Amino acid sequence: MIKTLLNKLESKILTKLFMRWVDNEYDLETLALTKGMIHQKETEIKFAIDQANKKFVVGFKRYDEQ
C-alpha cells in the first residue's frame, strides 16, 4: 500500500518536473530528441496492446491452392 502511494507520488512529481523542464527548454534539438523518445515509447505500448488483443480469424480453407 505504501509502495503504491509512493509510486503515485513519484509519478506526479516527475510529471510536474518534466512539464516545468519543457516550459523552460529552448533547445530545439533536445526537444526533438525528447519527442522522438516519447513517440517510440508510444509505438511500443500500442504494439503490445495490439498483440494482446489480437484476434485470430478462422476463415475458409481454399482447396484450389497447391
Protein backbone atom coordinates (compact mmCIF):
# COMPACT_ATOMS: atom_id res chain seq x y z
CA MET A 1 0.00 0.00 0.00
CA ILE A 2 2.76 2.44 0.92
CA LYS A 3 4.76 1.41 -2.15
CA THR A 4 1.77 2.14 -4.40
CA LEU A 5 1.30 5.51 -2.76
CA LEU A 6 4.98 6.35 -3.20
CA ASN A 7 4.87 5.31 -6.87
CA LYS A 8 1.86 7.56 -7.49
CA LEU A 9 3.52 10.45 -5.69
CA GLU A 10 6.77 9.93 -7.60
CA SER A 11 4.86 9.84 -10.89
CA LYS A 12 3.07 13.11 -10.15
CA ILE A 13 6.28 14.85 -9.06
CA LEU A 14 8.18 13.66 -12.14
CA THR A 15 5.34 14.77 -14.39
CA LYS A 16 5.36 18.26 -12.86
CA LEU A 17 9.15 18.47 -13.18
CA PHE A 18 9.01 17.31 -16.78
CA MET A 19 6.36 19.88 -17.65
CA ARG A 20 8.45 22.60 -15.99
CA TRP A 21 11.54 21.44 -17.91
CA VAL A 22 9.65 21.53 -21.24
CA ASP A 23 8.40 25.05 -20.48
CA ASN A 24 11.94 26.25 -19.80
CA GLU A 25 13.71 24.39 -22.62
CA TYR A 26 14.50 26.31 -25.80
CA ASP A 27 16.92 23.92 -27.50
CA LEU A 28 15.06 22.52 -30.50
CA GLU A 29 17.40 19.56 -30.89
CA THR A 30 16.82 18.42 -27.31
CA LEU A 31 13.06 18.88 -27.64
CA ALA A 32 13.04 16.92 -30.91
CA LEU A 33 15.03 14.11 -29.28
CA THR A 34 12.59 14.01 -26.37
CA LYS A 35 9.66 13.97 -28.78
CA GLY A 36 11.21 11.04 -30.64
CA MET A 37 11.71 9.08 -27.43
CA ILE A 38 8.10 9.67 -26.38
CA HIS A 39 6.83 8.68 -29.82
CA GLN A 40 8.94 5.48 -29.75
CA LYS A 41 7.58 4.51 -26.33
CA GLU A 42 4.02 5.24 -27.50
CA THR A 43 4.56 2.97 -30.52
CA GLU A 44 5.91 0.17 -28.29
CA ILE A 45 2.88 0.39 -26.00
CA LYS A 46 0.42 0.41 -28.91
CA PHE A 47 2.16 -2.63 -30.43
CA ALA A 48 1.95 -4.50 -27.12
CA ILE A 49 -1.75 -3.68 -26.81
CA ASP A 50 -2.38 -4.81 -30.39
CA GLN A 51 -0.57 -8.09 -29.74
CA ALA A 52 -2.54 -8.70 -26.54
CA ASN A 53 -5.88 -8.01 -28.23
CA LYS A 54 -5.09 -9.90 -31.44
CA LYS A 55 -7.99 -11.96 -32.73
CA PHE A 56 -7.22 -14.91 -34.94
CA VAL A 57 -9.54 -15.14 -37.89
CA VAL A 58 -10.75 -18.62 -38.65
CA GLY A 59 -11.70 -18.47 -42.29
CA PHE A 60 -12.47 -20.74 -45.13
CA LYS A 61 -9.81 -23.06 -46.45
CA ARG A 62 -9.05 -22.71 -50.12
CA TYR A 63 -8.77 -26.11 -51.76
CA ASP A 64 -7.71 -24.78 -55.15
CA GLU A 65 -4.20 -23.91 -53.88
CA GLN A 66 -1.45 -26.48 -54.26
